[in-house]
Amino acid sequence: MARKVVDEPSEEIVANAKLARDSKRGPFARMSLFIKQVMAELRKVVTPTRKELLSYTGVVLVFVVIMMAIVSAFDWVFALAVTYVFGTPGG
């Protein structure tokens, strides 16, 4: 199971952001700070195990198939209703 990570920025990131906000930095310094913050957030990402990945993929595929069936059923019912109300073309 993937470990739970609190989705809060670290104290260092918050301090750097406040420092950047207080002092007017140039565009390259702001880009540098942004890249550092992105890299810090990417270090927090936890990749799923193979078993979890297959499980998640199966759940998504089953959900998509169910939704396709529901939408197809609604489409069929509405097509019947439209055909009943307006009749068949040329008929």
Protein backbone atom coordinates (compact mmCIF):
# COMPACT_ATOMS: atom_id res chain seq x y z
CA MET A 1 0.00 0.00 0.00
CA ALA A 2 1.26 3.48 -0.77
CA ARG A 3 2.32 5.41 2.27
CA LYS A 4 0.28 8.42 3.29
CA VAL A 5 2.04 11.75 2.91
CA VAL A 6 0.64 14.95 4.36
CA ASP A 7 -0.03 17.36 1.53
CA GLU A 8 1.39 20.44 3.18
CA PRO A 9 4.36 22.46 2.02
CA SER A 10 7.47 22.16 4.14
CA GLU A 11 8.59 25.01 6.36
CA GLU A 12 11.51 25.71 4.05
CA ILE A 13 9.25 26.19 1.04
CA VAL A 14 6.95 28.52 2.97
CA ALA A 15 9.89 30.56 4.25
CA ASN A 16 11.38 30.84 0.75
CA ALA A 17 8.02 31.90 -0.67
CA LYS A 18 7.62 34.62 1.99
CA LEU A 19 11.15 35.83 1.35
CA ALA A 20 10.48 35.95 -2.37
CA ARG A 21 7.26 37.85 -1.83
CA ASP A 22 8.88 40.38 0.50
CA SER A 23 11.87 41.14 -1.68
CA LYS A 24 11.24 42.00 -5.30
CA ARG A 25 13.12 39.36 -7.25
CA GLY A 26 13.83 39.41 -10.94
CA PRO A 27 12.15 37.05 -13.38
CA PHE A 28 15.04 34.54 -13.37
CA ALA A 29 15.13 34.41 -9.58
CA ARG A 30 11.38 33.81 -9.50
CA MET A 31 11.72 31.03 -12.08
CA SER A 32 14.52 29.49 -10.04
CA LEU A 33 12.38 29.57 -6.90
CA PHE A 34 9.48 28.04 -8.81
CA ILE A 35 11.66 25.20 -10.12
CA LYS A 36 13.01 24.54 -6.61
CA GLN A 37 9.48 24.36 -5.22
CA VAL A 38 8.37 22.04 -8.02
CA MET A 39 11.32 19.72 -7.37
CA ALA A 40 10.54 19.70 -3.64
CA GLU A 41 6.92 18.72 -4.37
CA LEU A 42 8.01 16.02 -6.83
CA ARG A 43 10.16 14.42 -4.11
CA LYS A 44 6.93 13.83 -2.15
CA VAL A 45 5.33 11.79 -4.94
CA VAL A 46 4.94 8.10 -4.12
CA THR A 47 4.71 5.71 -7.05
CA PRO A 48 2.29 2.80 -6.66
CA THR A 49 3.49 -0.79 -6.59
CA ARG A 50 2.81 -3.06 -9.55
CA LYS A 51 -0.06 -4.74 -7.67
CA GLU A 52 -1.65 -1.37 -6.84
CA LEU A 53 -1.21 -0.15 -10.40
CA LEU A 54 -2.95 -3.22 -11.83
CA SER A 55 -5.72 -2.89 -9.26
CA TYR A 56 -6.28 0.80 -10.04
CA THR A 57 -6.23 0.08 -13.78
CA GLY A 58 -8.84 -2.64 -13.36
CA VAL A 59 -11.09 -0.35 -11.34
CA VAL A 60 -10.86 2.37 -13.98
CA LEU A 61 -11.60 -0.03 -16.84
CA VAL A 62 -14.63 -1.50 -15.05
CA PHE A 63 -15.92 1.99 -14.28
CA VAL A 64 -15.51 3.08 -17.93
CA VAL A 65 -17.36 -0.02 -19.20
CA ILE A 66 -20.23 0.60 -16.76
CA MET A 67 -20.48 4.26 -17.77
CA MET A 68 -20.44 3.30 -21.47
CA ALA A 69 -23.32 0.88 -20.84
CA ILE A 70 -25.34 3.55 -19.02
CA VAL A 71 -24.77 6.18 -21.73
CA SER A 72 -25.60 3.64 -24.46
CA ALA A 73 -28.83 2.70 -22.68
CA PHE A 74 -29.85 6.36 -22.38
CA ASP A 75 -29.01 6.92 -26.05
CA TRP A 76 -31.15 3.94 -27.07
CA VAL A 77 -34.09 5.09 -24.92
CA PHE A 78 -33.92 8.65 -26.27
CA ALA A 79 -33.68 7.35 -29.85
CA LEU A 80 -36.84 5.28 -29.27
CA ALA A 81 -38.61 8.30 -27.79
CA VAL A 82 -37.62 10.57 -30.69
CA THR A 83 -38.67 7.94 -33.22
CA TYR A 84 -42.05 7.56 -31.45
CA VAL A 85 -42.67 11.32 -31.29
CA PHE A 86 -41.46 12.29 -34.78
CA GLY A 87 -41.89 8.99 -36.63
CA THR A 88 -39.46 7.39 -39.05
CA PRO A 89 -38.09 9.52 -41.89
CA GLY A 90 -39.93 8.95 -45.18
CA GLY A 91 -42.64 6.92 -43.45
